PDB file of all heavy atoms in Angstrom:
ATOM      1  N   GLY A   1       3.458   4.330  -6.480  1.00  0.00           N
ATOM      2  CA  GLY A   1       3.140   4.753  -5.124  1.00  0.00           C
ATOM      3  C   GLY A   1       3.643   3.762  -4.110  1.00  0.00           C
ATOM      4  O   GLY A   1       4.268   2.750  -4.449  1.00  0.00           O
ATOM      5  N   ASP A   2       3.350   4.038  -2.854  1.00  0.00           N
ATOM      6  CA  ASP A   2       3.826   3.202  -1.753  1.00  0.00           C
ATOM      7  C   ASP A   2       2.840   3.374  -0.602  1.00  0.00           C
ATOM      8  O   ASP A   2       2.490   4.508  -0.250  1.00  0.00           O
ATOM      9  CB  ASP A   2       5.230   3.655  -1.331  1.00  0.00           C
ATOM     10  CG  ASP A   2       5.900   2.684  -0.358  1.00  0.00           C
ATOM     11  OD1 ASP A   2       5.212   2.233   0.582  1.00  0.00           O
ATOM     12  OD2 ASP A   2       7.091   2.406  -0.535  1.00  0.00           O
ATOM     13  N   ILE A   3       2.379   2.269  -0.023  1.00  0.00           N
ATOM     14  CA  ILE A   3       1.375   2.379   1.034  1.00  0.00           C
ATOM     15  C   ILE A   3       1.914   3.081   2.280  1.00  0.00           C
ATOM     16  O   ILE A   3       1.138   3.545   3.112  1.00  0.00           O
ATOM     17  CB  ILE A   3       0.780   1.005   1.409  1.00  0.00           C
ATOM     18  CG1 ILE A   3       1.820   0.089   2.058  1.00  0.00           C
ATOM     19  CG2 ILE A   3       0.139   0.339   0.204  1.00  0.00           C
ATOM     20  CD1 ILE A   3       1.214  -1.164   2.678  1.00  0.00           C
ATOM     21  N   THR A   4       3.226   3.174   2.410  1.00  0.00           N
ATOM     22  CA  THR A   4       3.794   3.896   3.552  1.00  0.00           C
ATOM     23  C   THR A   4       3.889   5.395   3.292  1.00  0.00           C
ATOM     24  O   THR A   4       4.293   6.150   4.173  1.00  0.00           O
ATOM     25  CB  THR A   4       5.192   3.350   3.912  1.00  0.00           C
ATOM     26  OG1 THR A   4       6.097   3.629   2.844  1.00  0.00           O
ATOM     27  CG2 THR A   4       5.146   1.854   4.167  1.00  0.00           C
ATOM     28  N   GLN A   5       3.523   5.813   2.089  1.00  0.00           N
ATOM     29  CA  GLN A   5       3.544   7.237   1.724  1.00  0.00           C
ATOM     30  C   GLN A   5       2.137   7.649   1.308  1.00  0.00           C
ATOM     31  O   GLN A   5       1.766   7.558   0.131  1.00  0.00           O
ATOM     32  CB  GLN A   5       4.551   7.473   0.590  1.00  0.00           C
ATOM     33  CG  GLN A   5       5.975   7.085   0.955  1.00  0.00           C
ATOM     34  CD  GLN A   5       6.927   7.164  -0.233  1.00  0.00           C
ATOM     35  OE1 GLN A   5       6.606   7.742  -1.266  1.00  0.00           O
ATOM     36  NE2 GLN A   5       8.090   6.563  -0.086  1.00  0.00           N
ATOM     37  N   PRO A   6       1.324   8.076   2.261  1.00  0.00           N
ATOM     38  CA  PRO A   6      -0.099   8.317   1.980  1.00  0.00           C
ATOM     39  C   PRO A   6      -0.356   9.326   0.869  1.00  0.00           C
ATOM     40  O   PRO A   6      -1.372   9.239   0.174  1.00  0.00           O
ATOM     41  CB  PRO A   6      -0.644   8.812   3.329  1.00  0.00           C
ATOM     42  CG  PRO A   6       0.541   9.176   4.152  1.00  0.00           C
ATOM     43  CD  PRO A   6       1.658   8.312   3.679  1.00  0.00           C
ATOM     44  N   GLN A   7       0.557  10.261   0.661  1.00  0.00           N
ATOM     45  CA  GLN A   7       0.354  11.265  -0.386  1.00  0.00           C
ATOM     46  C   GLN A   7       0.388  10.647  -1.774  1.00  0.00           C
ATOM     47  O   GLN A   7      -0.045  11.277  -2.745  1.00  0.00           O
ATOM     48  CB  GLN A   7       1.403  12.383  -0.266  1.00  0.00           C
ATOM     49  CG  GLN A   7       2.816  11.994  -0.658  1.00  0.00           C
ATOM     50  CD  GLN A   7       3.602  11.310   0.459  1.00  0.00           C
ATOM     51  OE1 GLN A   7       3.038  10.944   1.490  1.00  0.00           O
ATOM     52  NE2 GLN A   7       4.901  11.168   0.258  1.00  0.00           N
ATOM     53  N   THR A   8       0.885   9.417  -1.907  1.00  0.00           N
ATOM     54  CA  THR A   8       0.949   8.759  -3.219  1.00  0.00           C
ATOM     55  C   THR A   8      -0.279   7.910  -3.510  1.00  0.00           C
ATOM     56  O   THR A   8      -0.374   7.322  -4.599  1.00  0.00           O
ATOM     57  CB  THR A   8       2.199   7.859  -3.314  1.00  0.00           C
ATOM     58  OG1 THR A   8       2.048   6.726  -2.429  1.00  0.00           O
ATOM     59  CG2 THR A   8       3.466   8.621  -2.954  1.00  0.00           C
ATOM     60  N   LEU A   9      -1.228   7.816  -2.578  1.00  0.00           N
ATOM     61  CA  LEU A   9      -2.322   6.861  -2.717  1.00  0.00           C
ATOM     62  C   LEU A   9      -3.561   7.432  -3.384  1.00  0.00           C
ATOM     63  O   LEU A   9      -4.394   6.676  -3.895  1.00  0.00           O
ATOM     64  CB  LEU A   9      -2.697   6.283  -1.346  1.00  0.00           C
ATOM     65  CG  LEU A   9      -1.586   5.501  -0.636  1.00  0.00           C
ATOM     66  CD1 LEU A   9      -2.079   4.983   0.713  1.00  0.00           C
ATOM     67  CD2 LEU A   9      -1.088   4.353  -1.498  1.00  0.00           C
ATOM     68  N   ASP A  10      -3.722   8.753  -3.382  1.00  0.00           N
ATOM     69  CA  ASP A  10      -4.949   9.337  -3.942  1.00  0.00           C
ATOM     70  C   ASP A  10      -5.133   8.951  -5.400  1.00  0.00           C
ATOM     71  O   ASP A  10      -6.240   8.583  -5.828  1.00  0.00           O
ATOM     72  CB  ASP A  10      -4.917  10.860  -3.801  1.00  0.00           C
ATOM     73  CG  ASP A  10      -5.080  11.317  -2.361  1.00  0.00           C
ATOM     74  OD1 ASP A  10      -5.440  10.479  -1.505  1.00  0.00           O
ATOM     75  OD2 ASP A  10      -4.857  12.504  -2.082  1.00  0.00           O
ATOM     76  N   ALA A  11      -4.078   9.038  -6.175  1.00  0.00           N
ATOM     77  CA  ALA A  11      -4.180   8.717  -7.602  1.00  0.00           C
ATOM     78  C   ALA A  11      -4.518   7.251  -7.817  1.00  0.00           C
ATOM     79  O   ALA A  11      -5.245   6.898  -8.757  1.00  0.00           O
ATOM     80  CB  ALA A  11      -2.874   9.066  -8.310  1.00  0.00           C
ATOM     81  N   ALA A  12      -4.001   6.379  -6.949  1.00  0.00           N
ATOM     82  CA  ALA A  12      -4.256   4.941  -7.093  1.00  0.00           C
ATOM     83  C   ALA A  12      -5.709   4.588  -6.797  1.00  0.00           C
ATOM     84  O   ALA A  12      -6.270   3.659  -7.390  1.00  0.00           O
ATOM     85  CB  ALA A  12      -3.332   4.157  -6.167  1.00  0.00           C
ATOM     86  N   MET A  13      -6.349   5.326  -5.887  1.00  0.00           N
ATOM     87  CA  MET A  13      -7.724   5.013  -5.479  1.00  0.00           C
ATOM     88  C   MET A  13      -8.774   5.767  -6.289  1.00  0.00           C
ATOM     89  O   MET A  13      -9.942   5.388  -6.300  1.00  0.00           O
ATOM     90  CB  MET A  13      -7.909   5.331  -3.991  1.00  0.00           C
ATOM     91  CG  MET A  13      -6.884   4.700  -3.078  1.00  0.00           C
ATOM     92  SD  MET A  13      -6.712   2.908  -3.346  1.00  0.00           S
ATOM     93  CE  MET A  13      -5.234   2.552  -2.394  1.00  0.00           C
ATOM     94  N   GLU A  14      -8.378   6.819  -6.964  1.00  0.00           N
ATOM     95  CA  GLU A  14      -9.341   7.651  -7.686  1.00  0.00           C
ATOM     96  C   GLU A  14     -10.121   6.834  -8.723  1.00  0.00           C
ATOM     97  O   GLU A  14      -9.551   6.174  -9.583  1.00  0.00           O
ATOM     98  CB  GLU A  14      -8.614   8.805  -8.394  1.00  0.00           C
ATOM     99  CG  GLU A  14      -9.563   9.755  -9.118  1.00  0.00           C
ATOM    100  CD  GLU A  14      -8.826  10.878  -9.814  1.00  0.00           C
ATOM    101  OE1 GLU A  14      -7.573  10.912  -9.747  1.00  0.00           O
ATOM    102  OE2 GLU A  14      -9.491  11.714 -10.437  1.00  0.00           O
ATOM    103  N   GLY A  15     -11.430   6.857  -8.614  1.00  0.00           N
ATOM    104  CA  GLY A  15     -12.289   6.163  -9.570  1.00  0.00           C
ATOM    105  C   GLY A  15     -12.394   4.668  -9.370  1.00  0.00           C
ATOM    106  O   GLY A  15     -13.082   3.991 -10.141  1.00  0.00           O
ATOM    107  N   ALA A  16     -11.744   4.123  -8.361  1.00  0.00           N
ATOM    108  CA  ALA A  16     -11.773   2.670  -8.137  1.00  0.00           C
ATOM    109  C   ALA A  16     -13.105   2.245  -7.526  1.00  0.00           C
ATOM    110  O   ALA A  16     -13.593   2.873  -6.577  1.00  0.00           O
ATOM    111  CB  ALA A  16     -10.618   2.241  -7.240  1.00  0.00           C
ATOM    112  N   TRP A  17     -13.675   1.186  -8.069  1.00  0.00           N
ATOM    113  CA  TRP A  17     -14.855   0.562  -7.448  1.00  0.00           C
ATOM    114  C   TRP A  17     -14.438  -0.282  -6.246  1.00  0.00           C
ATOM    115  O   TRP A  17     -15.073  -0.271  -5.208  1.00  0.00           O
ATOM    116  CB  TRP A  17     -15.580  -0.308  -8.474  1.00  0.00           C
ATOM    117  CG  TRP A  17     -16.674  -1.143  -7.879  1.00  0.00           C
ATOM    118  CD1 TRP A  17     -17.947  -0.736  -7.603  1.00  0.00           C
ATOM    119  CD2 TRP A  17     -16.584  -2.515  -7.461  1.00  0.00           C
ATOM    120  NE1 TRP A  17     -18.666  -1.770  -7.029  1.00  0.00           N
ATOM    121  CE2 TRP A  17     -17.845  -2.865  -6.936  1.00  0.00           C
ATOM    122  CE3 TRP A  17     -15.563  -3.464  -7.474  1.00  0.00           C
ATOM    123  CZ2 TRP A  17     -18.111  -4.147  -6.436  1.00  0.00           C
ATOM    124  CZ3 TRP A  17     -15.819  -4.732  -6.977  1.00  0.00           C
ATOM    125  CH2 TRP A  17     -17.081  -5.067  -6.469  1.00  0.00           C
ATOM    126  N   GLY A  18     -13.343  -1.026  -6.409  1.00  0.00           N
ATOM    127  CA  GLY A  18     -12.869  -1.904  -5.345  1.00  0.00           C
ATOM    128  C   GLY A  18     -11.372  -1.775  -5.149  1.00  0.00           C
ATOM    129  O   GLY A  18     -10.643  -1.404  -6.076  1.00  0.00           O
ATOM    130  N   VAL A  19     -10.932  -2.072  -3.926  1.00  0.00           N
ATOM    131  CA  VAL A  19      -9.507  -2.046  -3.588  1.00  0.00           C
ATOM    132  C   VAL A  19      -9.175  -3.305  -2.805  1.00  0.00           C
ATOM    133  O   VAL A  19      -9.905  -3.694  -1.889  1.00  0.00           O
ATOM    134  CB  VAL A  19      -9.137  -0.797  -2.756  1.00  0.00           C
ATOM    135  CG1 VAL A  19      -7.704  -0.904  -2.231  1.00  0.00           C
ATOM    136  CG2 VAL A  19      -9.290   0.470  -3.589  1.00  0.00           C
ATOM    137  N   ILE A  20      -8.078  -3.944  -3.192  1.00  0.00           N
ATOM    138  CA  ILE A  20      -7.568  -5.106  -2.449  1.00  0.00           C
ATOM    139  C   ILE A  20      -6.182  -4.747  -1.940  1.00  0.00           C
ATOM    140  O   ILE A  20      -5.281  -4.440  -2.727  1.00  0.00           O
ATOM    141  CB  ILE A  20      -7.498  -6.355  -3.343  1.00  0.00           C
ATOM    142  CG1 ILE A  20      -8.899  -6.713  -3.852  1.00  0.00           C
ATOM    143  CG2 ILE A  20      -6.893  -7.527  -2.578  1.00  0.00           C
ATOM    144  CD1 ILE A  20      -8.912  -7.804  -4.905  1.00  0.00           C
ATOM    145  N   ASN A  21      -6.023  -4.785  -0.620  1.00  0.00           N
ATOM    146  CA  ASN A  21      -4.721  -4.456  -0.030  1.00  0.00           C
ATOM    147  C   ASN A  21      -3.944  -5.734   0.260  1.00  0.00           C
ATOM    148  O   ASN A  21      -4.177  -6.409   1.260  1.00  0.00           O
ATOM    149  CB  ASN A  21      -4.890  -3.651   1.263  1.00  0.00           C
ATOM    150  CG  ASN A  21      -3.536  -3.255   1.841  1.00  0.00           C
ATOM    151  OD1 ASN A  21      -2.616  -2.919   1.097  1.00  0.00           O
ATOM    152  ND2 ASN A  21      -3.411  -3.321   3.153  1.00  0.00           N
ATOM    153  N   LEU A  22      -3.045  -6.049  -0.650  1.00  0.00           N
ATOM    154  CA  LEU A  22      -2.168  -7.222  -0.503  1.00  0.00           C
ATOM    155  C   LEU A  22      -0.759  -6.822  -0.097  1.00  0.00           C
ATOM    156  O   LEU A  22       0.060  -7.669   0.233  1.00  0.00           O
ATOM    157  CB  LEU A  22      -2.100  -7.974  -1.829  1.00  0.00           C
ATOM    158  CG  LEU A  22      -2.843  -9.304  -1.935  1.00  0.00           C
ATOM    159  CD1 LEU A  22      -2.858  -9.787  -3.373  1.00  0.00           C
ATOM    160  CD2 LEU A  22      -2.213 -10.355  -1.038  1.00  0.00           C
ATOM    161  N   ALA A  23      -0.466  -5.529  -0.149  1.00  0.00           N
ATOM    162  CA  ALA A  23       0.889  -5.077   0.183  1.00  0.00           C
ATOM    163  C   ALA A  23       1.165  -5.327   1.660  1.00  0.00           C
ATOM    164  O   ALA A  23       0.301  -5.138   2.511  1.00  0.00           O
ATOM    165  CB  ALA A  23       1.050  -3.593  -0.139  1.00  0.00           C
ATOM    166  N   GLY A  24       2.363  -5.758   1.935  1.00  0.00           N
ATOM    167  CA  GLY A  24       2.744  -5.998   3.327  1.00  0.00           C
ATOM    168  C   GLY A  24       4.140  -6.565   3.398  1.00  0.00           C
ATOM    169  O   GLY A  24       4.726  -6.938   2.377  1.00  0.00           O
ATOM    170  N   TYR A  25       4.647  -6.620   4.618  1.00  0.00           N
ATOM    171  CA  TYR A  25       5.972  -7.197   4.838  1.00  0.00           C
ATOM    172  C   TYR A  25       5.767  -8.596   5.386  1.00  0.00           C
ATOM    173  O   TYR A  25       5.489  -8.792   6.567  1.00  0.00           O
ATOM    174  CB  TYR A  25       6.784  -6.332   5.799  1.00  0.00           C
ATOM    175  CG  TYR A  25       8.221  -6.787   5.944  1.00  0.00           C
ATOM    176  CD1 TYR A  25       9.072  -6.833   4.848  1.00  0.00           C
ATOM    177  CD2 TYR A  25       8.727  -7.181   7.180  1.00  0.00           C
ATOM    178  CE1 TYR A  25      10.381  -7.264   4.968  1.00  0.00           C
ATOM    179  CE2 TYR A  25      10.047  -7.601   7.322  1.00  0.00           C
ATOM    180  CZ  TYR A  25      10.858  -7.641   6.210  1.00  0.00           C
ATOM    181  OH  TYR A  25      12.161  -8.074   6.333  1.00  0.00           O
ATOM    182  N   ARG A  26       5.868  -9.606   4.503  1.00  0.00           N
ATOM    183  CA  ARG A  26       5.611 -11.005   4.858  1.00  0.00           C
ATOM    184  C   ARG A  26       6.941 -11.677   5.164  1.00  0.00           C
ATOM    185  O   ARG A  26       7.546 -12.321   4.318  1.00  0.00           O
ATOM    186  CB  ARG A  26       4.885 -11.700   3.691  1.00  0.00           C
ATOM    187  CG  ARG A  26       4.518 -13.165   3.957  1.00  0.00           C
ATOM    188  CD  ARG A  26       3.659 -13.719   2.846  1.00  0.00           C
ATOM    189  NE  ARG A  26       4.354 -13.845   1.569  1.00  0.00           N
ATOM    190  CZ  ARG A  26       4.937 -14.965   1.129  1.00  0.00           C
ATOM    191  NH1 ARG A  26       4.940 -16.056   1.875  1.00  0.00           N
ATOM    192  NH2 ARG A  26       5.521 -14.979  -0.055  1.00  0.00           N
ATOM    193  N   GLU A  27       7.373 -11.528   6.376  1.00  0.00           N
ATOM    194  CA  GLU A  27       8.661 -12.071   6.807  1.00  0.00           C
ATOM    195  C   GLU A  27       8.623 -12.326   8.313  1.00  0.00           C
ATOM    196  O   GLU A  27       7.666 -11.972   8.987  1.00  0.00           O
ATOM    197  CB  GLU A  27       9.786 -11.075   6.482  1.00  0.00           C
ATOM    198  CG  GLU A  27      10.765 -11.562   5.412  1.00  0.00           C
ATOM    199  CD  GLU A  27      11.644 -12.724   5.861  1.00  0.00           C
ATOM    200  OE1 GLU A  27      11.477 -13.213   7.009  1.00  0.00           O
ATOM    201  OE2 GLU A  27      12.496 -13.149   5.078  1.00  0.00           O
ATOM    202  N   PHE A  28       9.672 -12.976   8.813  1.00  0.00           N
ATOM    203  CA  PHE A  28       9.809 -13.200  10.251  1.00  0.00           C
ATOM    204  C   PHE A  28      11.077 -12.550  10.803  1.00  0.00           C
ATOM    205  O   PHE A  28      11.487 -12.845  11.917  1.00  0.00           O
ATOM    206  CB  PHE A  28       9.809 -14.700  10.565  1.00  0.00           C
ATOM    207  CG  PHE A  28       8.443 -15.313  10.476  1.00  0.00           C
ATOM    208  CD1 PHE A  28       8.004 -15.908   9.297  1.00  0.00           C
ATOM    209  CD2 PHE A  28       7.578 -15.283  11.555  1.00  0.00           C
ATOM    210  CE1 PHE A  28       6.745 -16.461   9.203  1.00  0.00           C
ATOM    211  CE2 PHE A  28       6.314 -15.842  11.489  1.00  0.00           C
ATOM    212  CZ  PHE A  28       5.891 -16.428  10.301  1.00  0.00           C
ATOM    213  N   TRP A  29      11.668 -11.678   9.995  1.00  0.00           N
ATOM    214  CA  TRP A  29      12.839 -10.942  10.476  1.00  0.00           C
ATOM    215  C   TRP A  29      12.935  -9.615   9.763  1.00  0.00           C
ATOM    216  O   TRP A  29      12.610  -9.492   8.576  1.00  0.00           O
ATOM    217  CB  TRP A  29      14.129 -11.728  10.221  1.00  0.00           C
ATOM    218  CG  TRP A  29      15.344 -10.971  10.704  1.00  0.00           C
ATOM    219  CD1 TRP A  29      15.799 -10.876  11.989  1.00  0.00           C
ATOM    220  CD2 TRP A  29      16.230 -10.170   9.912  1.00  0.00           C
ATOM    221  NE1 TRP A  29      16.913 -10.069  12.051  1.00  0.00           N
ATOM    222  CE2 TRP A  29      17.203  -9.624  10.790  1.00  0.00           C
ATOM    223  CE3 TRP A  29      16.302  -9.870   8.557  1.00  0.00           C
ATOM    224  CZ2 TRP A  29      18.221  -8.794  10.347  1.00  0.00           C
ATOM    225  CZ3 TRP A  29      17.315  -9.036   8.113  1.00  0.00           C
ATOM    226  CH2 TRP A  29      18.269  -8.513   9.010  1.00  0.00           C
ATOM    227  N   ALA A  30      13.343  -8.612  10.512  1.00  0.00           N
ATOM    228  CA  ALA A  30      13.678  -7.310   9.937  1.00  0.00           C
ATOM    229  C   ALA A  30      14.791  -6.720  10.789  1.00  0.00           C
ATOM    230  O   ALA A  30      14.785  -6.860  12.019  1.00  0.00           O
ATOM    231  CB  ALA A  30      12.469  -6.376   9.932  1.00  0.00           C
ATOM    232  N   ARG A  31      15.744  -6.098  10.135  1.00  0.00           N
ATOM    233  CA  ARG A  31      16.840  -5.477  10.883  1.00  0.00           C
ATOM    234  C   ARG A  31      16.294  -4.426  11.855  1.00  0.00           C
ATOM    235  O   ARG A  31      16.741  -4.314  12.997  1.00  0.00           O
ATOM    236  CB  ARG A  31      17.834  -4.844   9.913  1.00  0.00           C
ATOM    237  CG  ARG A  31      19.116  -4.379  10.594  1.00  0.00           C
ATOM    238  CD  ARG A  31      20.112  -3.860   9.574  1.00  0.00           C
ATOM    239  NE  ARG A  31      21.431  -3.676  10.151  1.00  0.00           N
ATOM    240  CZ  ARG A  31      22.481  -3.256   9.472  1.00  0.00           C
ATOM    241  NH1 ARG A  31      22.363  -2.988   8.170  1.00  0.00           N
ATOM    242  NH2 ARG A  31      23.659  -3.118  10.064  1.00  0.00           N
ATOM    243  N   ASP A  32      15.296  -3.678  11.388  1.00  0.00           N
ATOM    244  CA  ASP A  32      14.597  -2.713  12.221  1.00  0.00           C
ATOM    245  C   ASP A  32      13.164  -3.202  12.386  1.00  0.00           C
ATOM    246  O   ASP A  32      12.377  -3.197  11.428  1.00  0.00           O
ATOM    247  CB  ASP A  32      14.623  -1.336  11.551  1.00  0.00           C
ATOM    248  CG  ASP A  32      13.893  -0.281  12.372  1.00  0.00           C
ATOM    249  OD1 ASP A  32      13.357  -0.616  13.446  1.00  0.00           O
ATOM    250  OD2 ASP A  32      13.859   0.881  11.925  1.00  0.00           O
TER     251      ASP A  32
END
């Protein structure tokens, strides 16, 4: 899945007691 594609997240969260969101763009430059 991908956090930028919400339709892919249901399966990842199903039945989870806890969720840790570490995904992110950790940078100081992006072309866009």
